[in-house]
PDB file of N, CA and C in Angstrom:
ATOM      1  N   MET A   1      97.869  74.377 115.027  1.00  0.00           N
ATOM      2  CA  MET A   1      97.088  75.022 113.985  1.00  0.00           C
ATOM      3  C   MET A   1      96.959  76.515 114.305  1.00  0.00           C
ATOM      4  N   ILE A   2      97.004  77.338 113.270  1.00  0.00           N
ATOM      5  CA  ILE A   2      96.919  78.784 113.450  1.00  0.00           C
ATOM      6  C   ILE A   2      95.494  79.211 113.782  1.00  0.00           C
ATOM      7  N   ASP A   3      95.384  80.324 114.473  1.00  0.00           N
ATOM      8  CA  ASP A   3      94.093  80.937 114.759  1.00  0.00           C
ATOM      9  C   ASP A   3      93.956  82.128 113.815  1.00  0.00           C
ATOM     10  N   ALA A   4      93.122  81.990 112.798  1.00  0.00           N
ATOM     11  CA  ALA A   4      92.972  83.030 111.780  1.00  0.00           C
ATOM     12  C   ALA A   4      92.526  84.353 112.387  1.00  0.00           C
ATOM     13  N   ASN A   5      91.668  84.294 113.392  1.00  0.00           N
ATOM     14  CA  ASN A   5      91.196  85.529 114.028  1.00  0.00           C
ATOM     15  C   ASN A   5      92.330  86.265 114.737  1.00  0.00           C
ATOM     16  N   GLU A   6      93.256  85.527 115.329  1.00  0.00           N
ATOM     17  CA  GLU A   6      94.403  86.156 115.989  1.00  0.00           C
ATOM     18  C   GLU A   6      95.348  86.795 114.968  1.00  0.00           C
ATOM     19  N   VAL A   7      95.521  86.134 113.829  1.00  0.00           N
ATOM     20  CA  VAL A   7      96.351  86.713 112.765  1.00  0.00           C
ATOM     21  C   VAL A   7      95.736  88.030 112.307  1.00  0.00           C
ATOM     22  N   LEU A   8      94.430  88.027 112.045  1.00  0.00           N
ATOM     23  CA  LEU A   8      93.746  89.245 111.600  1.00  0.00           C
ATOM     24  C   LEU A   8      93.834  90.344 112.651  1.00  0.00           C
ATOM     25  N   LYS A   9      93.599  90.003 113.892  1.00  0.00           N
ATOM     26  CA  LYS A   9      93.656  91.004 114.969  1.00  0.00           C
ATOM     27  C   LYS A   9      95.048  91.636 115.056  1.00  0.00           C
ATOM     28  N   ALA A  10      96.088  90.811 115.015  1.00  0.00           N
ATOM     29  CA  ALA A  10      97.461  91.321 115.104  1.00  0.00           C
ATOM     30  C   ALA A  10      97.800  92.206 113.911  1.00  0.00           C
ATOM     31  N   MET A  11      97.373  91.800 112.720  1.00  0.00           N
ATOM     32  CA  MET A  11      97.660  92.597 111.529  1.00  0.00           C
ATOM     33  C   MET A  11      96.885  93.911 111.553  1.00  0.00           C
ATOM     34  N   CYS A  12      95.659  93.902 112.045  1.00  0.00           N
ATOM     35  CA  CYS A  12      94.894  95.151 112.184  1.00  0.00           C
ATOM     36  C   CYS A  12      95.629  96.117 113.108  1.00  0.00           C
ATOM     37  N   GLU A  13      96.157  95.609 114.211  1.00  0.00           N
ATOM     38  CA  GLU A  13      96.879  96.463 115.163  1.00  0.00           C
ATOM     39  C   GLU A  13      98.135  97.057 114.533  1.00  0.00           C
ATOM     40  N   LYS A  14      98.898  96.238 113.804  1.00  0.00           N
ATOM     41  CA  LYS A  14     100.112  96.732 113.150  1.00  0.00           C
ATOM     42  C   LYS A  14      99.777  97.741 112.059  1.00  0.00           C
ATOM     43  N   TYR A  15      98.726  97.459 111.306  1.00  0.00           N
ATOM     44  CA  TYR A  15      98.319  98.330 110.203  1.00  0.00           C
ATOM     45  C   TYR A  15      97.889  99.696 110.728  1.00  0.00           C
ATOM     46  N   GLN A  16      97.021  99.696 111.738  1.00  0.00           N
ATOM     47  CA  GLN A  16      96.548 100.991 112.247  1.00  0.00           C
ATOM     48  C   GLN A  16      97.669 101.758 112.930  1.00  0.00           C
ATOM     49  N   ALA A  17      98.626 101.076 113.542  1.00  0.00           N
ATOM     50  CA  ALA A  17      99.767 101.761 114.158  1.00  0.00           C
ATOM     51  C   ALA A  17     100.617 102.450 113.088  1.00  0.00           C
ATOM     52  N   ALA A  18     100.890 101.759 111.979  1.00  0.00           N
ATOM     53  CA  ALA A  18     101.708 102.342 110.909  1.00  0.00           C
ATOM     54  C   ALA A  18     101.006 103.527 110.258  1.00  0.00           C
ATOM     55  N   VAL A  19      99.724 103.366 109.940  1.00  0.00           N
ATOM     56  CA  VAL A  19      98.983 104.453 109.286  1.00  0.00           C
ATOM     57  C   VAL A  19      98.833 105.636 110.230  1.00  0.00           C
ATOM     58  N   SER A  20      98.454 105.394 111.465  1.00  0.00           N
ATOM     59  CA  SER A  20      98.232 106.491 112.411  1.00  0.00           C
ATOM     60  C   SER A  20      99.526 107.219 112.771  1.00  0.00           C
ATOM     61  N   ALA A  21     100.666 106.562 112.580  1.00  0.00           N
ATOM     62  CA  ALA A  21     101.967 107.214 112.774  1.00  0.00           C
ATOM     63  C   ALA A  21     102.434 107.911 111.496  1.00  0.00           C
ATOM     64  N   ASN A  22     101.656 107.723 110.402  1.00  0.00           N
ATOM     65  CA  ASN A  22     102.035 108.265 109.091  1.00  0.00           C
ATOM     66  C   ASN A  22     103.451 107.829 108.730  1.00  0.00           C
ATOM     67  N   ASP A  23     103.726 106.547 108.936  1.00  0.00           N
ATOM     68  CA  ASP A  23     105.059 105.973 108.773  1.00  0.00           C
ATOM     69  C   ASP A  23     105.061 105.008 107.583  1.00  0.00           C
ATOM     70  N   SER A  24     105.453 105.500 106.414  1.00  0.00           N
ATOM     71  CA  SER A  24     105.428 104.658 105.217  1.00  0.00           C
ATOM     72  C   SER A  24     106.461 103.532 105.275  1.00  0.00           C
ATOM     73  N   THR A  25     107.520 103.696 106.063  1.00  0.00           N
ATOM     74  CA  THR A  25     108.503 102.621 106.222  1.00  0.00           C
ATOM     75  C   THR A  25     107.890 101.464 107.007  1.00  0.00           C
ATOM     76  N   ALA A  26     107.225 101.768 108.118  1.00  0.00           N
ATOM     77  CA  ALA A  26     106.533 100.726 108.891  1.00  0.00           C
ATOM     78  C   ALA A  26     105.419 100.105 108.058  1.00  0.00           C
ATOM     79  N   TYR A  27     104.725 100.929 107.280  1.00  0.00           N
ATOM     80  CA  TYR A  27     103.648 100.440 106.419  1.00  0.00           C
ATOM     81  C   TYR A  27     104.201  99.445 105.398  1.00  0.00           C
ATOM     82  N   ARG A  28     105.326  99.781 104.759  1.00  0.00           N
ATOM     83  CA  ARG A  28     105.941  98.895 103.763  1.00  0.00           C
ATOM     84  C   ARG A  28     106.274  97.533 104.370  1.00  0.00           C
ATOM     85  N   LYS A  29     106.703  97.522 105.621  1.00  0.00           N
ATOM     86  CA  LYS A  29     107.096  96.268 106.270  1.00  0.00           C
ATOM     87  C   LYS A  29     105.926  95.321 106.512  1.00  0.00           C
ATOM     88  N   LEU A  30     104.696  95.798 106.353  1.00  0.00           N
ATOM     89  CA  LEU A  30     103.519  94.946 106.502  1.00  0.00           C
ATOM     90  C   LEU A  30     103.255  94.109 105.255  1.00  0.00           C
ATOM     91  N   PHE A  31     103.878  94.496 104.138  1.00  0.00           N
ATOM     92  CA  PHE A  31     103.595  93.886 102.845  1.00  0.00           C
ATOM     93  C   PHE A  31     104.737  92.991 102.380  1.00  0.00           C
ATOM     94  N   ALA A  32     104.373  91.887 101.739  1.00  0.00           N
ATOM     95  CA  ALA A  32     105.362  91.028 101.089  1.00  0.00           C
ATOM     96  C   ALA A  32     105.968  91.795  99.914  1.00  0.00           C
ATOM     97  N   THR A  33     107.180  91.425  99.531  1.00  0.00           N
ATOM     98  CA  THR A  33     107.843  92.142  98.431  1.00  0.00           C
ATOM     99  C   THR A  33     107.060  92.036  97.129  1.00  0.00           C
ATOM    100  N   ASP A  34     106.274  90.975  96.958  1.00  0.00           N
ATOM    101  CA  ASP A  34     105.480  90.795  95.741  1.00  0.00           C
ATOM    102  C   ASP A  34     103.994  91.083  95.964  1.00  0.00           C
ATOM    103  N   ALA A  35     103.686  91.868  96.975  1.00  0.00           N
ATOM    104  CA  ALA A  35     102.295  92.196  97.300  1.00  0.00           C
ATOM    105  C   ALA A  35     101.646  93.013  96.187  1.00  0.00           C
ATOM    106  N   ILE A  36     100.322  92.949  96.148  1.00  0.00           N
ATOM    107  CA  ILE A  36      99.529  93.787  95.255  1.00  0.00           C
ATOM    108  C   ILE A  36      98.470  94.479  96.103  1.00  0.00           C
ATOM    109  N   ARG A  37      98.382  95.797  95.947  1.00  0.00           N
ATOM    110  CA  ARG A  37      97.367  96.603  96.644  1.00  0.00           C
ATOM    111  C   ARG A  37      96.537  97.302  95.578  1.00  0.00           C
ATOM    112  N   ILE A  38      95.213  97.222  95.723  1.00  0.00           N
ATOM    113  CA  ILE A  38      94.326  97.846  94.749  1.00  0.00           C
ATOM    114  C   ILE A  38      93.437  98.857  95.463  1.00  0.00           C
ATOM    115  N   PRO A  39      93.809 100.146  95.411  1.00  0.00           N
ATOM    116  CA  PRO A  39      92.964 101.188  95.995  1.00  0.00           C
ATOM    117  C   PRO A  39      91.683 101.364  95.171  1.00  0.00           C
ATOM    118  N   PRO A  40      90.617 101.873  95.790  1.00  0.00           N
ATOM    119  CA  PRO A  40      89.360 102.079  95.058  1.00  0.00           C
ATOM    120  C   PRO A  40      89.561 102.958  93.820  1.00  0.00           C
ATOM    121  N   GLY A  41      89.095 102.480  92.676  1.00  0.00           N
ATOM    122  CA  GLY A  41      89.142 103.256  91.448  1.00  0.00           C
ATOM    123  C   GLY A  41      90.524 103.468  90.870  1.00  0.00           C
ATOM    124  N   SER A  42      91.516 102.721  91.337  1.00  0.00           N
ATOM    125  CA  SER A  42      92.898 102.914  90.887  1.00  0.00           C
ATOM    126  C   SER A  42      93.459 101.635  90.286  1.00  0.00           C
ATOM    127  N   GLU A  43      94.566 101.795  89.618  1.00  0.00           N
ATOM    128  CA  GLU A  43      95.289 100.652  89.078  1.00  0.00           C
ATOM    129  C   GLU A  43      95.999  99.918  90.219  1.00  0.00           C
ATOM    130  N   PRO A  44      96.244  98.630  90.056  1.00  0.00           N
ATOM    131  CA  PRO A  44      96.980  97.888  91.084  1.00  0.00           C
ATOM    132  C   PRO A  44      98.382  98.454  91.303  1.00  0.00           C
ATOM    133  N   GLU A  45      98.784  98.475  92.545  1.00  0.00           N
ATOM    134  CA  GLU A  45     100.147  98.842  92.931  1.00  0.00           C
ATOM    135  C   GLU A  45     100.872  97.539  93.239  1.00  0.00           C
ATOM    136  N   ARG A  46     102.038  97.360  92.648  1.00  0.00           N
ATOM    137  CA  ARG A  46     102.745  96.084  92.740  1.00  0.00           C
ATOM    138  C   ARG A  46     104.055  96.223  93.502  1.00  0.00           C
ATOM    139  N   GLY A  47     104.192  95.421  94.525  1.00  0.00           N
ATOM    140  CA  GLY A  47     105.418  95.399  95.316  1.00  0.00           C
ATOM    141  C   GLY A  47     105.377  96.363  96.483  1.00  0.00           C
ATOM    142  N   SER A  48     106.062  95.983  97.547  1.00  0.00           N
ATOM    143  CA  SER A  48     106.027  96.783  98.777  1.00  0.00           C
ATOM    144  C   SER A  48     106.619  98.175  98.586  1.00  0.00           C
ATOM    145  N   ASP A  49     107.596  98.327  97.695  1.00  0.00           N
ATOM    146  CA  ASP A  49     108.182  99.655  97.468  1.00  0.00           C
ATOM    147  C   ASP A  49     107.183 100.599  96.805  1.00  0.00           C
ATOM    148  N   GLU A  50     106.511 100.128  95.750  1.00  0.00           N
ATOM    149  CA  GLU A  50     105.513 100.963  95.072  1.00  0.00           C
ATOM    150  C   GLU A  50     104.358 101.301  96.015  1.00  0.00           C
ATOM    151  N   ILE A  51     103.930 100.329  96.794  1.00  0.00           N
ATOM    152  CA  ILE A  51     102.846 100.546  97.757  1.00  0.00           C
ATOM    153  C   ILE A  51     103.253 101.598  98.778  1.00  0.00           C
ATOM    154  N   SER A  52     104.461 101.500  99.287  1.00  0.00           N
ATOM    155  CA  SER A  52     104.956 102.459 100.280  1.00  0.00           C
ATOM    156  C   SER A  52     105.047 103.871  99.701  1.00  0.00           C
ATOM    157  N   LYS A  53     105.529 103.998  98.475  1.00  0.00           N
ATOM    158  CA  LYS A  53     105.629 105.317  97.837  1.00  0.00           C
ATOM    159  C   LYS A  53     104.255 105.943  97.655  1.00  0.00           C
ATOM    160  N   SER A  54     103.284 105.140  97.260  1.00  0.00           N
ATOM    161  CA  SER A  54     101.921 105.642  97.099  1.00  0.00           C
ATOM    162  C   SER A  54     101.348 106.093  98.440  1.00  0.00           C
ATOM    163  N   GLU A  55     101.589 105.307  99.467  1.00  0.00           N
ATOM    164  CA  GLU A  55     101.106 105.651 100.811  1.00  0.00           C
ATOM    165  C   GLU A  55     101.756 106.943 101.297  1.00  0.00           C
ATOM    166  N   GLN A  56     103.046 107.117 101.032  1.00  0.00           N
ATOM    167  CA  GLN A  56     103.747 108.327 101.460  1.00  0.00           C
ATOM    168  C   GLN A  56     103.143 109.573 100.823  1.00  0.00           C
ATOM    169  N   LYS A  57     102.679 109.463  99.582  1.00  0.00           N
ATOM    170  CA  LYS A  57     102.028 110.608  98.923  1.00  0.00           C
ATOM    171  C   LYS A  57     100.825 111.080  99.731  1.00  0.00           C
ATOM    172  N   ASP A  58     100.074 110.146 100.300  1.00  0.00           N
ATOM    173  CA  ASP A  58      98.936 110.519 101.155  1.00  0.00           C
ATOM    174  C   ASP A  58      99.424 111.210 102.422  1.00  0.00           C
ATOM    175  N   TYR A  59     100.483 110.676 103.024  1.00  0.00           N
ATOM    176  CA  TYR A  59     101.014 111.252 104.264  1.00  0.00           C
ATOM    177  C   TYR A  59     101.621 112.636 104.036  1.00  0.00           C
ATOM    178  N   ASP A  60     102.051 112.916 102.813  1.00  0.00           N
ATOM    179  CA  ASP A  60     102.642 114.220 102.508  1.00  0.00           C
ATOM    180  C   ASP A  60     101.611 115.348 102.520  1.00  0.00           C
ATOM    181  N   VAL A  61     100.334 115.019 102.330  1.00  0.00           N
ATOM    182  CA  VAL A  61      99.308 116.067 102.246  1.00  0.00           C
ATOM    183  C   VAL A  61      98.382 116.124 103.457  1.00  0.00           C
ATOM    184  N   ALA A  62      98.385 115.077 104.292  1.00  0.00           N
ATOM    185  CA  ALA A  62      97.457 115.068 105.430  1.00  0.00           C
ATOM    186  C   ALA A  62      97.962 114.151 106.539  1.00  0.00           C
ATOM    187  N   LYS A  63      97.505 114.414 107.737  1.00  0.00           N
ATOM    188  CA  LYS A  63      97.714 113.535 108.894  1.00  0.00           C
ATOM    189  C   LYS A  63      96.594 112.506 108.873  1.00  0.00           C
ATOM    190  N   TRP A  64      96.962 111.241 108.864  1.00  0.00           N
ATOM    191  CA  TRP A  64      95.996 110.143 108.783  1.00  0.00           C
ATOM    192  C   TRP A  64      95.918 109.410 110.115  1.00  0.00           C
ATOM    193  N   THR A  65      94.716 109.029 110.483  1.00  0.00           N
ATOM    194  CA  THR A  65      94.514 108.097 111.592  1.00  0.00           C
ATOM    195  C   THR A  65      93.476 107.071 111.151  1.00  0.00           C
ATOM    196  N   VAL A  66      93.635 105.855 111.634  1.00  0.00           N
ATOM    197  CA  VAL A  66      92.691 104.798 111.290  1.00  0.00           C
ATOM    198  C   VAL A  66      92.481 103.920 112.515  1.00  0.00           C
ATOM    199  N   GLN A  67      91.261 103.473 112.675  1.00  0.00           N
ATOM    200  CA  GLN A  67      90.897 102.505 113.706  1.00  0.00           C
ATOM    201  C   GLN A  67      90.248 101.328 112.993  1.00  0.00           C
ATOM    202  N   LEU A  68      90.797 100.136 113.153  1.00  0.00           N
ATOM    203  CA  LEU A  68      90.294  98.951 112.467  1.00  0.00           C
ATOM    204  C   LEU A  68      89.610  97.999 113.437  1.00  0.00           C
ATOM    205  N   THR A  69      88.523  97.420 112.968  1.00  0.00           N
ATOM    206  CA  THR A  69      87.794  96.408 113.724  1.00  0.00           C
ATOM    207  C   THR A  69      87.741  95.135 112.889  1.00  0.00           C
ATOM    208  N   PRO A  70      88.361  94.050 113.350  1.00  0.00           N
ATOM    209  CA  PRO A  70      88.282  92.793 112.605  1.00  0.00           C
ATOM    210  C   PRO A  70      86.829  92.333 112.478  1.00  0.00           C
ATOM    211  N   LEU A  71      86.450  91.899 111.278  1.00  0.00           N
ATOM    212  CA  LEU A  71      85.090  91.407 111.052  1.00  0.00           C
ATOM    213  C   LEU A  71      85.039  89.902 110.854  1.00  0.00           C
ATOM    214  N   ASP A  72      85.976  89.368 110.057  1.00  0.00           N
ATOM    215  CA  ASP A  72      85.938  87.941 109.758  1.00  0.00           C
ATOM    216  C   ASP A  72      87.315  87.488 109.289  1.00  0.00           C
ATOM    217  N   ALA A  73      87.662  86.278 109.638  1.00  0.00           N
ATOM    218  CA  ALA A  73      88.924  85.686 109.198  1.00  0.00           C
ATOM    219  C   ALA A  73      88.666  84.247 108.787  1.00  0.00           C
ATOM    220  N   LEU A  74      89.318  83.850 107.722  1.00  0.00           N
ATOM    221  CA  LEU A  74      89.171  82.502 107.195  1.00  0.00           C
ATOM    222  C   LEU A  74      90.553  81.894 107.010  1.00  0.00           C
ATOM    223  N   ARG A  75      90.802  80.796 107.689  1.00  0.00           N
ATOM    224  CA  ARG A  75      92.063  80.063 107.516  1.00  0.00           C
ATOM    225  C   ARG A  75      91.957  79.261 106.230  1.00  0.00           C
ATOM    226  N   ILE A  76      92.837  79.554 105.283  1.00  0.00           N
ATOM    227  CA  ILE A  76      92.842  78.831 104.016  1.00  0.00           C
ATOM    228  C   ILE A  76      93.682  77.566 104.158  1.00  0.00           C
ATOM    229  N   ASP A  77      94.853  77.712 104.742  1.00  0.00           N
ATOM    230  CA  ASP A  77      95.677  76.582 105.174  1.00  0.00           C
ATOM    231  C   ASP A  77      96.637  77.108 106.233  1.00  0.00           C
ATOM    232  N   ASP A  78      97.647  76.335 106.592  1.00  0.00           N
ATOM    233  CA  ASP A  78      98.507  76.731 107.709  1.00  0.00           C
ATOM    234  C   ASP A  78      99.296  78.010 107.469  1.00  0.00           C
ATOM    235  N   ARG A  79      99.437  78.436 106.214  1.00  0.00           N
ATOM    236  CA  ARG A  79     100.249  79.627 105.931  1.00  0.00           C
ATOM    237  C   ARG A  79      99.483  80.731 105.214  1.00  0.00           C
ATOM    238  N   TRP A  80      98.178  80.562 105.066  1.00  0.00           N
ATOM    239  CA  TRP A  80      97.365  81.558 104.365  1.00  0.00           C
ATOM    240  C   TRP A  80      96.101  81.867 105.160  1.00  0.00           C
ATOM    241  N   VAL A  81      95.806  83.165 105.285  1.00  0.00           N
ATOM    242  CA  VAL A  81      94.591  83.623 105.972  1.00  0.00           C
ATOM    243  C   VAL A  81      93.983  84.753 105.151  1.00  0.00           C
ATOM    244  N   TYR A  82      92.665  84.702 105.007  1.00  0.00           N
ATOM    245  CA  TYR A  82      91.913  85.786 104.372  1.00  0.00           C
ATOM    246  C   TYR A  82      91.217  86.552 105.487  1.00  0.00           C
ATOM    247  N   GLY A  83      91.350  87.868 105.495  1.00  0.00           N
ATOM    248  CA  GLY A  83      90.764  88.668 106.566  1.00  0.00           C
ATOM    249  C   GLY A  83      89.981  89.854 106.045  1.00  0.00           C
ATOM    250  N   ILE A  84      88.950  90.224 106.796  1.00  0.00           N
ATOM    251  CA  ILE A  84      88.119  91.389 106.489  1.00  0.00           C
ATOM    252  C   ILE A  84      88.027  92.241 107.746  1.00  0.00           C
ATOM    253  N   ALA A  85      88.187  93.559 107.574  1.00  0.00           N
ATOM    254  CA  ALA A  85      88.088  94.487 108.705  1.00  0.00           C
ATOM    255  C   ALA A  85      87.351  95.746 108.267  1.00  0.00           C
ATOM    256  N   GLN A  86      86.688  96.365 109.230  1.00  0.00           N
ATOM    257  CA  GLN A  86      86.063  97.666 109.001  1.00  0.00           C
ATOM    258  C   GLN A  86      86.987  98.730 109.548  1.00  0.00           C
ATOM    259  N   GLY A  87      87.130  99.818 108.804  1.00  0.00           N
ATOM    260  CA  GLY A  87      87.998 100.901 109.241  1.00  0.00           C
ATOM    261  C   GLY A  87      87.263 102.217 109.358  1.00  0.00           C
ATOM    262  N   ASN A  88      87.631 102.978 110.366  1.00  0.00           N
ATOM    263  CA  ASN A  88      87.205 104.367 110.505  1.00  0.00           C
ATOM    264  C   ASN A  88      88.442 105.215 110.265  1.00  0.00           C
ATOM    265  N   VAL A  89      88.406 106.032 109.216  1.00  0.00           N
ATOM    266  CA  VAL A  89      89.564 106.803 108.774  1.00  0.00           C
ATOM    267  C   VAL A  89      89.288 108.289 108.964  1.00  0.00           C
ATOM    268  N   ASN A  90      90.291 108.992 109.474  1.00  0.00           N
ATOM    269  CA  ASN A  90      90.212 110.449 109.621  1.00  0.00           C
ATOM    270  C   ASN A  90      91.471 111.057 109.040  1.00  0.00           C
ATOM    271  N   THR A  91      91.289 112.185 108.326  1.00  0.00           N
ATOM    272  CA  THR A  91      92.431 112.917 107.793  1.00  0.00           C
ATOM    273  C   THR A  91      92.299 114.391 108.154  1.00  0.00           C
ATOM    274  N   VAL A  92      93.446 115.028 108.337  1.00  0.00           N
ATOM    275  CA  VAL A  92      93.516 116.477 108.546  1.00  0.00           C
ATOM    276  C   VAL A  92      94.550 117.002 107.558  1.00  0.00           C
ATOM    277  N   ALA A  93      94.086 117.817 106.604  1.00  0.00           N
ATOM    278  CA  ALA A  93      94.971 118.353 105.570  1.00  0.00           C
ATOM    279  C   ALA A  93      95.962 119.330 106.175  1.00  0.00           C
ATOM    280  N   TYR A  94      97.220 119.212 105.765  1.00  0.00           N
ATOM    281  CA  TYR A  94      98.244 120.133 106.249  1.00  0.00           C
ATOM    282  C   TYR A  94      98.028 121.547 105.710  1.00  0.00           C
ATOM    283  N   ALA A  95      97.537 121.661 104.481  1.00  0.00           N
ATOM    284  CA  ALA A  95      97.415 122.967 103.825  1.00  0.00           C
ATOM    285  C   ALA A  95      96.429 123.891 104.525  1.00  0.00           C
ATOM    286  N   ASP A  96      95.251 123.362 104.875  1.00  0.00           N
ATOM    287  CA  ASP A  96      94.205 124.238 105.412  1.00  0.00           C
ATOM    288  C   ASP A  96      93.494 123.689 106.642  1.00  0.00           C
ATOM    289  N   GLY A  97      93.921 122.532 107.138  1.00  0.00           N
ATOM    290  CA  GLY A  97      93.298 121.951 108.320  1.00  0.00           C
ATOM    291  C   GLY A  97      91.955 121.291 108.065  1.00  0.00           C
ATOM    292  N   ALA A  98      91.566 121.183 106.793  1.00  0.00           N
ATOM    293  CA  ALA A  98      90.291 120.543 106.463  1.00  0.00           C
ATOM    294  C   ALA A  98      90.313 119.089 106.931  1.00  0.00           C
ATOM    295  N   THR A  99      89.201 118.666 107.512  1.00  0.00           N
ATOM    296  CA  THR A  99      89.097 117.296 108.008  1.00  0.00           C
ATOM    297  C   THR A  99      88.183 116.471 107.111  1.00  0.00           C
ATOM    298  N   ASN A 100      88.435 115.189 107.089  1.00  0.00           N
ATOM    299  CA  ASN A 100      87.621 114.257 106.329  1.00  0.00           C
ATOM    300  C   ASN A 100      87.552 112.965 107.130  1.00  0.00           C
ATOM    301  N   SER A 101      86.371 112.391 107.198  1.00  0.00           N
ATOM    302  CA  SER A 101      86.179 111.115 107.889  1.00  0.00           C
ATOM    303  C   SER A 101      85.348 110.204 107.002  1.00  0.00           C
ATOM    304  N   TYR A 102      85.714 108.939 106.990  1.00  0.00           N
ATOM    305  CA  TYR A 102      84.936 107.979 106.223  1.00  0.00           C
ATOM    306  C   TYR A 102      85.197 106.575 106.756  1.00  0.00           C
ATOM    307  N   LYS A 103      84.365 105.660 106.315  1.00  0.00           N
ATOM    308  CA  LYS A 103      84.496 104.256 106.688  1.00  0.00           C
ATOM    309  C   LYS A 103      85.012 103.472 105.486  1.00  0.00           C
ATOM    310  N   THR A 104      85.713 102.406 105.780  1.00  0.00           N
ATOM    311  CA  THR A 104      86.200 101.502 104.743  1.00  0.00           C
ATOM    312  C   THR A 104      85.935 100.062 105.170  1.00  0.00           C
ATOM    313  N   THR A 105      85.870  99.198 104.194  1.00  0.00           N
ATOM    314  CA  THR A 105      85.943  97.764 104.442  1.00  0.00           C
ATOM    315  C   THR A 105      87.192  97.283 103.725  1.00  0.00           C
ATOM    316  N   LYS A 106      88.118  96.711 104.477  1.00  0.00           N
ATOM    317  CA  LYS A 106      89.394  96.252 103.925  1.00  0.00           C
ATOM    318  C   LYS A 106      89.390  94.728 103.858  1.00  0.00           C
ATOM    319  N   THR A 107      89.935  94.211 102.768  1.00  0.00           N
ATOM    320  CA  THR A 107      90.126  92.766 102.642  1.00  0.00           C
ATOM    321  C   THR A 107      91.605  92.503 102.402  1.00  0.00           C
ATOM    322  N   TRP A 108      92.093  91.472 103.042  1.00  0.00           N
ATOM    323  CA  TRP A 108      93.505  91.120 102.942  1.00  0.00           C
ATOM    324  C   TRP A 108      93.673  89.622 102.726  1.00  0.00           C
ATOM    325  N   LEU A 109      94.711  89.282 102.013  1.00  0.00           N
ATOM    326  CA  LEU A 109      95.203  87.917 101.961  1.00  0.00           C
ATOM    327  C   LEU A 109      96.571  87.947 102.626  1.00  0.00           C
ATOM    328  N   PHE A 110      96.678  87.249 103.754  1.00  0.00           N
ATOM    329  CA  PHE A 110      97.921  87.209 104.528  1.00  0.00           C
ATOM    330  C   PHE A 110      98.657  85.897 104.258  1.00  0.00           C
ATOM    331  N   HIS A 111      99.979  85.974 104.257  1.00  0.00           N
ATOM    332  CA  HIS A 111     100.811  84.784 104.097  1.00  0.00           C
ATOM    333  C   HIS A 111     101.866  84.763 105.195  1.00  0.00           C
ATOM    334  N   GLN A 112     102.079  83.586 105.766  1.00  0.00           N
ATOM    335  CA  GLN A 112     103.147  83.430 106.751  1.00  0.00           C
ATOM    336  C   GLN A 112     104.434  83.094 106.002  1.00  0.00           C
ATOM    337  N   GLU A 113     105.403  83.987 106.104  1.00  0.00           N
ATOM    338  CA  GLU A 113     106.677  83.825 105.410  1.00  0.00           C
ATOM    339  C   GLU A 113     107.519  82.747 106.101  1.00  0.00           C
ATOM    340  N   ASP A 114     108.609  82.344 105.450  1.00  0.00           N
ATOM    341  CA  ASP A 114     109.502  81.334 106.028  1.00  0.00           C
ATOM    342  C   ASP A 114     110.059  81.783 107.375  1.00  0.00           C
ATOM    343  N   SER A 115     110.165  83.092 107.569  1.00  0.00           N
ATOM    344  CA  SER A 115     110.656  83.648 108.838  1.00  0.00           C
ATOM    345  C   SER A 115     109.639  83.488 109.968  1.00  0.00           C
ATOM    346  N   GLY A 116     108.396  83.139 109.614  1.00  0.00           N
ATOM    347  CA  GLY A 116     107.321  83.041 110.599  1.00  0.00           C
ATOM    348  C   GLY A 116     106.458  84.289 110.659  1.00  0.00           C
ATOM    349  N   GLU A 117     106.920  85.364 110.020  1.00  0.00           N
ATOM    350  CA  GLU A 117     106.183  86.629 110.036  1.00  0.00           C
ATOM    351  C   GLU A 117     105.006  86.575 109.055  1.00  0.00           C
ATOM    352  N   TRP A 118     103.868  87.139 109.483  1.00  0.00           N
ATOM    353  CA  TRP A 118     102.705  87.263 108.621  1.00  0.00           C
ATOM    354  C   TRP A 118     102.789  88.581 107.870  1.00  0.00           C
ATOM    355  N   LEU A 119     102.598  88.529 106.543  1.00  0.00           N
ATOM    356  CA  LEU A 119     102.641  89.721 105.706  1.00  0.00           C
ATOM    357  C   LEU A 119     101.424  89.766 104.787  1.00  0.00           C
ATOM    358  N   ILE A 120     101.122  90.964 104.317  1.00  0.00           N
ATOM    359  CA  ILE A 120     100.016  91.158 103.387  1.00  0.00           C
ATOM    360  C   ILE A 120     100.503  90.814 101.979  1.00  0.00           C
ATOM    361  N   LYS A 121      99.793  89.892 101.319  1.00  0.00           N
ATOM    362  CA  LYS A 121     100.089  89.557  99.926  1.00  0.00           C
ATOM    363  C   LYS A 121      99.156  90.305  98.978  1.00  0.00           C
ATOM    364  N   ARG A 122      97.911  90.510  99.397  1.00  0.00           N
ATOM    365  CA  ARG A 122      96.921  91.219  98.592  1.00  0.00           C
ATOM    366  C   ARG A 122      96.074  92.091  99.511  1.00  0.00           C
ATOM    367  N   GLN A 123      95.743  93.293  99.013  1.00  0.00           N
ATOM    368  CA  GLN A 123      94.867  94.193  99.770  1.00  0.00           C
ATOM    369  C   GLN A 123      93.953  94.922  98.797  1.00  0.00           C
ATOM    370  N   MET A 124      92.674  94.936  99.127  1.00  0.00           N
ATOM    371  CA  MET A 124      91.675  95.730  98.411  1.00  0.00           C
ATOM    372  C   MET A 124      90.755  96.340  99.455  1.00  0.00           C
ATOM    373  N   TRP A 125      90.145  97.467  99.123  1.00  0.00           N
ATOM    374  CA  TRP A 125      89.177  98.060 100.040  1.00  0.00           C
ATOM    375  C   TRP A 125      88.198  98.931  99.286  1.00  0.00           C
ATOM    376  N   ASN A 126      87.081  99.205  99.952  1.00  0.00           N
ATOM    377  CA  ASN A 126      86.101 100.134  99.408  1.00  0.00           C
ATOM    378  C   ASN A 126      85.872 101.251 100.412  1.00  0.00           C
ATOM    379  N   LEU A 127      85.209 102.276  99.963  1.00  0.00           N
ATOM    380  CA  LEU A 127      84.872 103.413 100.821  1.00  0.00           C
ATOM    381  C   LEU A 127      83.375 103.402 101.051  1.00  0.00           C
ATOM    382  N   LYS A 128      82.974 103.764 102.265  1.00  0.00           N
ATOM    383  CA  LYS A 128      81.543 103.842 102.575  1.00  0.00           C
ATOM    384  C   LYS A 128      81.157 105.275 102.816  1.00  0.00           C
TER     385      LYS A 128
END
């Protein structure tokens, strides 16, 4: 049987590594091809390619770093896990060096693919 907390912890580590490296290619690899990501106040982004392109737009204007702390994980069945994490996000704008820091709560629905790899199927978050 899977350990939902271990799945969440591993995905948090991969997610923060991709974002903190400002690597939209690594970020895209975290998402299933049919994933949906819903940023705060925005329309849903559909598919890993669209999600990656949107993420790259953020990386084009600022250096991003994120630190995630797993909060809760729920095993839905052997191939599905729902996870919640708190994030501390920092950005430094390339144009003027302006910094911004904020907290987020991220929610994910993870699916274990036939390859055995866990990927994000759904992602939503809020800003604090």
